[in-house]
């Protein structure tokens, strides 16, 4: 029931939330912290009532729910009276419980010095944790930092998992990964992963550049149909790529 309620909130489906709201309120009245978290999300996203959201989210955050701690941290950074120190403390609690989005937010706070002492070391530490936890934007930032300092091995390592699993990377990141694999930067030449990165760039939105690079790889590396099939499987892209031929 709560997942349906959260989904309705995300979709801004006020009819669905209206149907589920009485049950959620009933759960909150009985002391269920997860229902309080849901009402906090409803107050922010549907009602736009931040004070009400804080009340519900604090109950859930005090119960140790990391997503509620993160949510309350978000709310405390909104409006005219931003409380960065309290937000950072909440993100830290959630981050220490393994919440990758809290880790990403905390990384940004250390980078800017919002509510915590500015620290490049802590910024990179939490950014790495967030990237390992599956936050694509964190992976992109880490890879960009690595490329800027010629740390190709680090950039390649960070991007590899996200090329396979993420649908929200910038196409340029997939192409950077493909180029590193093709040129042997940061590791051995890997034709399959190079092609996989190029094909992923197509599905991420840069059809022209991705297809152009894929055809270059096809010609330069003399890739076979079986190679393309392996690249498709590795990068988790559609079978449309089987139409590529030399």
Foldseek 3Di string as FASTA:
>chain_A
DLVQLVVCLVVVPPVSVVVCVVVLVVCVVVPDLSSLQSVLSCCVRPVVNLVSSLVSLVSNVVVPDLVSLQVNLVSLCDDDRRDQLSSLVSLVSSVVVQDLVSLQVNLVCLCVVGSHPNDPVSNLVSLVSSLVVPDQVSLVVQLVVCVVVQVQLRNLVSCQVCLQPPLAHALVSLQSNLVCLCVVRSHHNDLLSSLLSLQSSCSSPPVVRSVVVNLVSCVVVVDDLVSPVSSCVSRVHDPVSSPDDD
